[in-house]
Amino acid sequence: MTAENEGPDRGDTGVLNADLYPDLVKLGGLASALIHASQENGIELGRVRPGSGSKEAEFVSAASDSDRGSALINLGVDRRWFSISIENDVHSWASGGTDDIVSTVKMLDAWRRGVTLQELNTLFPYMHFDEMAQAYETGDPVATQWNQLLTDGDPFFSQALLQKIHSNDRLRTLFPFLSHGTLRLARDHTDRTAGEIWITPLRAGGHRVESTTPGEQEKIIEPFDQLIEAAVEFLDRP
């Protein structure tokens, strides 16, 4: 195991709090300390890399990559704390934190070895996950997302229209999410490049229906039924 772009000589970080993280100062940063802790405990973490974006990030953040997504680790400022977020390109799996670097390493190892979210929480109670993460793992994230939208509602989007869209057999298979008053229907919840259909209420009345795929991009619709027809028409295009 190696940490890419390792920092300067041990102790010469300039950004680590030596009172909170004397071990990290000695080892030259978070990524190096994670590797050291894993080696001391006979754990293979695979690729561990320092954080990116700034010189400081190289010492106070790190990432551990796996086939199930990346675990991002950041240090606390006011107390000794390893803040952890596990995510992939589409969604978050779990998050939490601990003051114990060895526990952090063991948690990363468990995730890499394929434990379920529930097993992860049982072994490391400080790691938490939500209903959507569970749906991605064992259920249907599309149905779960629709249920959350239909249950929670949104002040900027008609609940009646949400119900109408959900009642359509074709549109109900799309992954829905609301962003700035626009309902976005993703063709494939696992692929952000697969395209979306957008439905936006207009202040002057009616709705704008758009497709992010090539071809005719936009229609202005007033009746609900025509709105559904326009959305399905966009869906039928490649």
C-alpha atoms as a PDB file:
ATOM      1  CA  MET A   1       0.000   0.000   0.000  1.00  0.00           C
ATOM      2  CA  THR A   2       1.259   3.445  -0.837  1.00  0.00           C
ATOM      3  CA  ALA A   3      -0.036   6.959  -0.335  1.00  0.00           C
ATOM      4  CA  GLU A   4       0.176   8.971  -3.533  1.00  0.00           C
ATOM      5  CA  ASN A   5       1.766  12.417  -3.393  1.00  0.00           C
ATOM      6  CA  GLU A   6       3.020  11.873   0.144  1.00  0.00           C
ATOM      7  CA  GLY A   7       3.706  15.004   2.156  1.00  0.00           C
ATOM      8  CA  PRO A   8       7.076  16.428   3.220  1.00  0.00           C
ATOM      9  CA  ASP A   9       9.358  14.952   5.855  1.00  0.00           C
ATOM     10  CA  ARG A  10       7.722  13.758   9.069  1.00  0.00           C
ATOM     11  CA  GLY A  11       6.610  16.553  11.349  1.00  0.00           C
ATOM     12  CA  ASP A  12       6.938  19.228   8.646  1.00  0.00           C
ATOM     13  CA  THR A  13       3.220  19.472   7.768  1.00  0.00           C
ATOM     14  CA  GLY A  14       2.462  22.938   9.129  1.00  0.00           C
ATOM     15  CA  VAL A  15      -1.301  22.284   9.076  1.00  0.00           C
ATOM     16  CA  LEU A  16      -1.885  19.499  11.600  1.00  0.00           C
ATOM     17  CA  ASN A  17      -2.740  20.213  15.227  1.00  0.00           C
ATOM     18  CA  ALA A  18       0.012  18.412  17.115  1.00  0.00           C
ATOM     19  CA  ASP A  19      -2.028  18.386  20.329  1.00  0.00           C
ATOM     20  CA  LEU A  20      -4.903  16.529  18.668  1.00  0.00           C
ATOM     21  CA  TYR A  21      -2.978  14.497  16.113  1.00  0.00           C
ATOM     22  CA  PRO A  22       0.592  13.868  17.320  1.00  0.00           C
ATOM     23  CA  ASP A  23       0.638  10.502  15.512  1.00  0.00           C
ATOM     24  CA  LEU A  24      -0.394  12.079  12.207  1.00  0.00           C
ATOM     25  CA  VAL A  25       2.191  14.833  12.552  1.00  0.00           C
ATOM     26  CA  LYS A  26       4.869  12.205  13.132  1.00  0.00           C
ATOM     27  CA  LEU A  27       3.763  10.141  10.121  1.00  0.00           C
ATOM     28  CA  GLY A  28       3.269  13.065   7.732  1.00  0.00           C
ATOM     29  CA  GLY A  29      -0.510  13.244   7.338  1.00  0.00           C
ATOM     30  CA  LEU A  30      -3.779  11.347   7.426  1.00  0.00           C
ATOM     31  CA  ALA A  31      -3.223   9.018   4.458  1.00  0.00           C
ATOM     32  CA  SER A  32       0.171   7.894   5.761  1.00  0.00           C
ATOM     33  CA  ALA A  33      -1.281   7.366   9.249  1.00  0.00           C
ATOM     34  CA  LEU A  34      -4.130   5.224   7.892  1.00  0.00           C
ATOM     35  CA  ILE A  35      -1.653   3.078   6.001  1.00  0.00           C
ATOM     36  CA  HIS A  36       0.543   2.769   9.085  1.00  0.00           C
ATOM     37  CA  ALA A  37      -2.422   1.778  11.288  1.00  0.00           C
ATOM     38  CA  SER A  38      -3.563  -0.816   8.751  1.00  0.00           C
ATOM     39  CA  GLN A  39      -0.093  -2.353   8.547  1.00  0.00           C
ATOM     40  CA  GLU A  40       0.200  -2.436  12.336  1.00  0.00           C
ATOM     41  CA  ASN A  41      -3.089  -4.363  12.490  1.00  0.00           C
ATOM     42  CA  GLY A  42      -2.500  -6.698   9.545  1.00  0.00           C
ATOM     43  CA  ILE A  43      -5.174  -5.072   7.385  1.00  0.00           C
ATOM     44  CA  GLU A  44      -4.977  -4.574   3.610  1.00  0.00           C
ATOM     45  CA  LEU A  45      -6.689  -1.312   2.686  1.00  0.00           C
ATOM     46  CA  GLY A  46      -5.816  -1.249  -0.989  1.00  0.00           C
ATOM     47  CA  ARG A  47      -5.342   2.177  -2.506  1.00  0.00           C
ATOM     48  CA  VAL A  48      -5.268   5.030   0.010  1.00  0.00           C
ATOM     49  CA  ARG A  49      -4.649   8.539  -1.291  1.00  0.00           C
ATOM     50  CA  PRO A  50      -4.279  11.954   0.303  1.00  0.00           C
ATOM     51  CA  GLY A  51      -7.004  14.547  -0.143  1.00  0.00           C
ATOM     52  CA  SER A  52      -6.846  16.913  -3.089  1.00  0.00           C
ATOM     53  CA  GLY A  53      -7.758  20.521  -3.745  1.00  0.00           C
ATOM     54  CA  SER A  54      -5.177  22.275  -1.576  1.00  0.00           C
ATOM     55  CA  LYS A  55      -1.844  21.657   0.104  1.00  0.00           C
ATOM     56  CA  GLU A  56      -3.583  21.478   3.475  1.00  0.00           C
ATOM     57  CA  ALA A  57      -6.006  18.835   2.198  1.00  0.00           C
ATOM     58  CA  GLU A  58      -3.115  16.479   1.537  1.00  0.00           C
ATOM     59  CA  PHE A  59      -2.530  16.220   5.295  1.00  0.00           C
ATOM     60  CA  VAL A  60      -6.022  16.488   6.822  1.00  0.00           C
ATOM     61  CA  SER A  61      -8.095  14.387   4.394  1.00  0.00           C
ATOM     62  CA  ALA A  62      -7.762  11.058   2.620  1.00  0.00           C
ATOM     63  CA  ALA A  63      -9.729   8.603   0.496  1.00  0.00           C
ATOM     64  CA  SER A  64      -9.851   4.822   0.403  1.00  0.00           C
ATOM     65  CA  ASP A  65     -11.165   3.457  -2.896  1.00  0.00           C
ATOM     66  CA  SER A  66     -13.021   0.197  -3.463  1.00  0.00           C
ATOM     67  CA  ASP A  67     -15.386  -1.388  -5.970  1.00  0.00           C
ATOM     68  CA  ARG A  68     -18.288  -0.243  -3.780  1.00  0.00           C
ATOM     69  CA  GLY A  69     -17.335   3.423  -3.817  1.00  0.00           C
ATOM     70  CA  SER A  70     -14.876   5.708  -2.081  1.00  0.00           C
ATOM     71  CA  ALA A  71     -14.607   6.326   1.647  1.00  0.00           C
ATOM     72  CA  LEU A  72     -13.669   9.959   2.295  1.00  0.00           C
ATOM     73  CA  ILE A  73     -12.044  10.769   5.647  1.00  0.00           C
ATOM     74  CA  ASN A  74     -11.603  14.282   7.031  1.00  0.00           C
ATOM     75  CA  LEU A  75     -10.081  15.407  10.321  1.00  0.00           C
ATOM     76  CA  GLY A  76     -11.953  17.371  12.965  1.00  0.00           C
ATOM     77  CA  VAL A  77     -10.665  20.837  13.822  1.00  0.00           C
ATOM     78  CA  ASP A  78     -11.755  21.383  17.428  1.00  0.00           C
ATOM     79  CA  ARG A  79     -11.335  17.812  18.641  1.00  0.00           C
ATOM     80  CA  ARG A  80      -9.707  14.590  17.507  1.00  0.00           C
ATOM     81  CA  TRP A  81     -12.186  13.200  15.048  1.00  0.00           C
ATOM     82  CA  PHE A  82     -12.161  11.125  11.873  1.00  0.00           C
ATOM     83  CA  SER A  83     -15.242  12.095   9.873  1.00  0.00           C
ATOM     84  CA  ILE A  84     -16.154   9.431   7.308  1.00  0.00           C
ATOM     85  CA  SER A  85     -18.439   9.450   4.270  1.00  0.00           C
ATOM     86  CA  ILE A  86     -18.812   6.452   1.942  1.00  0.00           C
ATOM     87  CA  GLU A  87     -20.250   7.270  -1.486  1.00  0.00           C
ATOM     88  CA  ASN A  88     -20.133   6.476  -5.164  1.00  0.00           C
ATOM     89  CA  ASP A  89     -20.809   8.577  -8.252  1.00  0.00           C
ATOM     90  CA  VAL A  90     -24.580   8.418  -7.771  1.00  0.00           C
ATOM     91  CA  HIS A  91     -25.421   8.373  -4.072  1.00  0.00           C
ATOM     92  CA  SER A  92     -24.142   8.195  -0.503  1.00  0.00           C
ATOM     93  CA  TRP A  93     -23.878   4.827   1.248  1.00  0.00           C
ATOM     94  CA  ALA A  94     -23.126   5.721   4.865  1.00  0.00           C
ATOM     95  CA  SER A  95     -21.493   8.342   7.048  1.00  0.00           C
ATOM     96  CA  GLY A  96     -20.263   8.807  10.605  1.00  0.00           C
ATOM     97  CA  GLY A  97     -17.177   9.434  12.649  1.00  0.00           C
ATOM     98  CA  THR A  98     -14.931   8.285  15.467  1.00  0.00           C
ATOM     99  CA  ASP A  99     -11.896   9.482  17.427  1.00  0.00           C
ATOM    100  CA  ASP A 100     -10.118   6.146  16.906  1.00  0.00           C
ATOM    101  CA  ILE A 101      -7.919   5.718  13.820  1.00  0.00           C
ATOM    102  CA  VAL A 102      -7.672   1.941  14.309  1.00  0.00           C
ATOM    103  CA  SER A 103     -11.455   1.649  14.354  1.00  0.00           C
ATOM    104  CA  THR A 104     -11.527   3.785  11.200  1.00  0.00           C
ATOM    105  CA  VAL A 105      -9.155   1.370   9.466  1.00  0.00           C
ATOM    106  CA  LYS A 106     -11.149  -1.667  10.587  1.00  0.00           C
ATOM    107  CA  MET A 107     -14.355  -0.067   9.339  1.00  0.00           C
ATOM    108  CA  LEU A 108     -12.786   0.653   5.932  1.00  0.00           C
ATOM    109  CA  ASP A 109     -11.623  -2.953   5.768  1.00  0.00           C
ATOM    110  CA  ALA A 110     -15.089  -4.291   6.599  1.00  0.00           C
ATOM    111  CA  TRP A 111     -16.657  -2.159   3.875  1.00  0.00           C
ATOM    112  CA  ARG A 112     -14.095  -3.315   1.312  1.00  0.00           C
ATOM    113  CA  ARG A 113     -14.792  -6.940   2.244  1.00  0.00           C
ATOM    114  CA  GLY A 114     -18.488  -6.529   1.432  1.00  0.00           C
ATOM    115  CA  VAL A 115     -20.430  -6.199   4.677  1.00  0.00           C
ATOM    116  CA  THR A 116     -24.011  -5.005   4.289  1.00  0.00           C
ATOM    117  CA  LEU A 117     -25.089  -1.606   5.563  1.00  0.00           C
ATOM    118  CA  GLN A 118     -26.815  -3.199   8.541  1.00  0.00           C
ATOM    119  CA  GLU A 119     -23.730  -5.247   9.351  1.00  0.00           C
ATOM    120  CA  LEU A 120     -21.586  -2.130   9.053  1.00  0.00           C
ATOM    121  CA  ASN A 121     -23.808  -0.316  11.556  1.00  0.00           C
ATOM    122  CA  THR A 122     -23.783  -3.299  13.926  1.00  0.00           C
ATOM    123  CA  LEU A 123     -19.992  -3.576  13.859  1.00  0.00           C
ATOM    124  CA  PHE A 124     -19.404   0.177  13.910  1.00  0.00           C
ATOM    125  CA  PRO A 125     -22.444   1.910  15.471  1.00  0.00           C
ATOM    126  CA  TYR A 126     -21.070   5.333  14.597  1.00  0.00           C
ATOM    127  CA  MET A 127     -21.697   4.596  10.890  1.00  0.00           C
ATOM    128  CA  HIS A 128     -25.235   5.441   9.801  1.00  0.00           C
ATOM    129  CA  PHE A 129     -27.227   4.998   6.602  1.00  0.00           C
ATOM    130  CA  ASP A 130     -30.645   6.150   5.399  1.00  0.00           C
ATOM    131  CA  GLU A 131     -33.637   4.593   3.652  1.00  0.00           C
ATOM    132  CA  MET A 132     -32.346   5.439   0.176  1.00  0.00           C
ATOM    133  CA  ALA A 133     -28.982   3.771   0.773  1.00  0.00           C
ATOM    134  CA  GLN A 134     -30.817   0.672   1.995  1.00  0.00           C
ATOM    135  CA  ALA A 135     -33.004   0.760  -1.121  1.00  0.00           C
ATOM    136  CA  TYR A 136     -29.958   0.896  -3.372  1.00  0.00           C
ATOM    137  CA  GLU A 137     -28.511  -2.104  -1.580  1.00  0.00           C
ATOM    138  CA  THR A 138     -31.483  -4.427  -1.219  1.00  0.00           C
ATOM    139  CA  GLY A 139     -34.597  -2.881  -2.715  1.00  0.00           C
ATOM    140  CA  ASP A 140     -35.929  -0.567  -5.394  1.00  0.00           C
ATOM    141  CA  PRO A 141     -34.504   2.975  -5.153  1.00  0.00           C
ATOM    142  CA  VAL A 142     -36.929   4.271  -7.768  1.00  0.00           C
ATOM    143  CA  ALA A 143     -40.008   3.167  -5.800  1.00  0.00           C
ATOM    144  CA  THR A 144     -38.469   4.414  -2.551  1.00  0.00           C
ATOM    145  CA  GLN A 145     -37.716   7.823  -4.033  1.00  0.00           C
ATOM    146  CA  TRP A 146     -41.251   8.159  -5.406  1.00  0.00           C
ATOM    147  CA  ASN A 147     -42.676   7.200  -2.021  1.00  0.00           C
ATOM    148  CA  GLN A 148     -40.584   9.861  -0.281  1.00  0.00           C
ATOM    149  CA  LEU A 149     -41.656  12.561  -2.737  1.00  0.00           C
ATOM    150  CA  LEU A 150     -45.323  11.607  -2.545  1.00  0.00           C
ATOM    151  CA  THR A 151     -45.193  11.425   1.255  1.00  0.00           C
ATOM    152  CA  ASP A 152     -43.146  14.540   2.027  1.00  0.00           C
ATOM    153  CA  GLY A 153     -44.441  16.795  -0.741  1.00  0.00           C
ATOM    154  CA  ASP A 154     -42.782  20.004  -1.902  1.00  0.00           C
ATOM    155  CA  PRO A 155     -43.996  23.627  -1.553  1.00  0.00           C
ATOM    156  CA  PHE A 156     -42.860  24.475  -5.083  1.00  0.00           C
ATOM    157  CA  PHE A 157     -44.395  21.550  -6.936  1.00  0.00           C
ATOM    158  CA  SER A 158     -48.017  20.422  -7.167  1.00  0.00           C
ATOM    159  CA  GLN A 159     -48.722  17.254  -5.217  1.00  0.00           C
ATOM    160  CA  ALA A 160     -51.612  16.557  -7.580  1.00  0.00           C
ATOM    161  CA  LEU A 161     -49.241  16.688 -10.535  1.00  0.00           C
ATOM    162  CA  LEU A 162     -46.780  14.374  -8.789  1.00  0.00           C
ATOM    163  CA  GLN A 163     -49.599  11.893  -8.268  1.00  0.00           C
ATOM    164  CA  LYS A 164     -50.633  12.217 -11.918  1.00  0.00           C
ATOM    165  CA  ILE A 165     -47.109  11.614 -13.190  1.00  0.00           C
ATOM    166  CA  HIS A 166     -46.647   8.669 -10.828  1.00  0.00           C
ATOM    167  CA  SER A 167     -49.880   7.109 -12.101  1.00  0.00           C
ATOM    168  CA  ASN A 168     -48.364   6.735 -15.580  1.00  0.00           C
ATOM    169  CA  ASP A 169     -46.800   3.296 -16.000  1.00  0.00           C
ATOM    170  CA  ARG A 170     -43.900   4.631 -18.073  1.00  0.00           C
ATOM    171  CA  LEU A 171     -43.010   7.702 -16.034  1.00  0.00           C
ATOM    172  CA  ARG A 172     -43.255   5.785 -12.770  1.00  0.00           C
ATOM    173  CA  THR A 173     -40.181   3.774 -13.798  1.00  0.00           C
ATOM    174  CA  LEU A 174     -38.012   6.931 -13.893  1.00  0.00           C
ATOM    175  CA  PHE A 175     -36.032   8.100 -10.871  1.00  0.00           C
ATOM    176  CA  PRO A 176     -37.595  11.386  -9.648  1.00  0.00           C
ATOM    177  CA  PHE A 177     -36.004  14.225  -7.720  1.00  0.00           C
ATOM    178  CA  LEU A 178     -36.847  17.886  -7.226  1.00  0.00           C
ATOM    179  CA  SER A 179     -34.302  20.613  -7.840  1.00  0.00           C
ATOM    180  CA  HIS A 180     -35.114  24.342  -7.638  1.00  0.00           C
ATOM    181  CA  GLY A 181     -38.796  23.758  -8.330  1.00  0.00           C
ATOM    182  CA  THR A 182     -38.190  21.402 -11.261  1.00  0.00           C
ATOM    183  CA  LEU A 183     -39.131  17.726 -11.233  1.00  0.00           C
ATOM    184  CA  ARG A 184     -36.284  15.824 -12.864  1.00  0.00           C
ATOM    185  CA  LEU A 185     -36.982  12.288 -14.067  1.00  0.00           C
ATOM    186  CA  ALA A 186     -33.786  10.321 -14.639  1.00  0.00           C
ATOM    187  CA  ARG A 187     -33.923   7.609 -17.285  1.00  0.00           C
ATOM    188  CA  ASP A 188     -31.373   5.479 -15.405  1.00  0.00           C
ATOM    189  CA  HIS A 189     -30.712   6.039 -11.699  1.00  0.00           C
ATOM    190  CA  THR A 190     -27.314   4.339 -12.019  1.00  0.00           C
ATOM    191  CA  ASP A 191     -26.080   6.479 -14.926  1.00  0.00           C
ATOM    192  CA  ARG A 192     -26.146  10.280 -14.728  1.00  0.00           C
ATOM    193  CA  THR A 193     -25.335  10.542 -18.441  1.00  0.00           C
ATOM    194  CA  ALA A 194     -28.421   8.606 -19.594  1.00  0.00           C
ATOM    195  CA  GLY A 195     -30.553  11.760 -19.771  1.00  0.00           C
ATOM    196  CA  GLU A 196     -33.485  13.251 -17.892  1.00  0.00           C
ATOM    197  CA  ILE A 197     -36.930  14.707 -18.482  1.00  0.00           C
ATOM    198  CA  TRP A 198     -37.600  17.989 -16.669  1.00  0.00           C
ATOM    199  CA  ILE A 199     -41.022  19.342 -15.711  1.00  0.00           C
ATOM    200  CA  THR A 200     -41.138  22.922 -14.421  1.00  0.00           C
ATOM    201  CA  PRO A 201     -44.212  24.947 -13.318  1.00  0.00           C
ATOM    202  CA  LEU A 202     -44.302  28.394 -14.950  1.00  0.00           C
ATOM    203  CA  ARG A 203     -45.324  31.575 -13.133  1.00  0.00           C
ATOM    204  CA  ALA A 204     -47.586  32.561 -16.006  1.00  0.00           C
ATOM    205  CA  GLY A 205     -49.313  29.194 -15.850  1.00  0.00           C
ATOM    206  CA  GLY A 206     -48.722  25.843 -17.494  1.00  0.00           C
ATOM    207  CA  HIS A 207     -45.531  23.821 -17.404  1.00  0.00           C
ATOM    208  CA  ARG A 208     -42.345  23.516 -19.388  1.00  0.00           C
ATOM    209  CA  VAL A 209     -41.417  19.952 -20.339  1.00  0.00           C
ATOM    210  CA  GLU A 210     -37.799  19.413 -21.414  1.00  0.00           C
ATOM    211  CA  SER A 211     -35.571  16.536 -22.416  1.00  0.00           C
ATOM    212  CA  THR A 212     -31.811  16.567 -21.931  1.00  0.00           C
ATOM    213  CA  THR A 213     -31.309  14.120 -24.799  1.00  0.00           C
ATOM    214  CA  PRO A 214     -30.779  15.328 -28.403  1.00  0.00           C
ATOM    215  CA  GLY A 215     -33.720  16.358 -30.553  1.00  0.00           C
ATOM    216  CA  GLU A 216     -36.636  18.628 -29.718  1.00  0.00           C
ATOM    217  CA  GLN A 217     -35.726  20.032 -26.331  1.00  0.00           C
ATOM    218  CA  GLU A 218     -38.745  21.831 -24.940  1.00  0.00           C
ATOM    219  CA  LYS A 219     -42.510  22.144 -24.963  1.00  0.00           C
ATOM    220  CA  ILE A 220     -44.841  24.483 -23.059  1.00  0.00           C
ATOM    221  CA  ILE A 221     -47.891  22.584 -21.853  1.00  0.00           C
ATOM    222  CA  GLU A 222     -50.996  23.637 -19.952  1.00  0.00           C
ATOM    223  CA  PRO A 223     -53.374  20.660 -19.407  1.00  0.00           C
ATOM    224  CA  PHE A 224     -52.050  17.882 -17.187  1.00  0.00           C
ATOM    225  CA  ASP A 225     -52.912  15.168 -19.708  1.00  0.00           C
ATOM    226  CA  GLN A 226     -50.937  16.840 -22.473  1.00  0.00           C
ATOM    227  CA  LEU A 227     -48.021  17.264 -20.066  1.00  0.00           C
ATOM    228  CA  ILE A 228     -47.964  13.507 -19.462  1.00  0.00           C
ATOM    229  CA  GLU A 229     -48.162  12.844 -23.192  1.00  0.00           C
ATOM    230  CA  ALA A 230     -45.273  15.212 -23.892  1.00  0.00           C
ATOM    231  CA  ALA A 231     -43.106  13.588 -21.210  1.00  0.00           C
ATOM    232  CA  VAL A 232     -43.779  10.099 -22.569  1.00  0.00           C
ATOM    233  CA  GLU A 233     -43.083  11.322 -26.106  1.00  0.00           C
ATOM    234  CA  PHE A 234     -39.667  12.554 -24.978  1.00  0.00           C
ATOM    235  CA  LEU A 235     -39.105   9.238 -23.224  1.00  0.00           C
ATOM    236  CA  ASP A 236     -39.691   7.312 -26.465  1.00  0.00           C
ATOM    237  CA  ARG A 237     -36.906   9.185 -28.223  1.00  0.00           C
ATOM    238  CA  PRO A 238     -33.422   7.630 -28.185  1.00  0.00           C
END
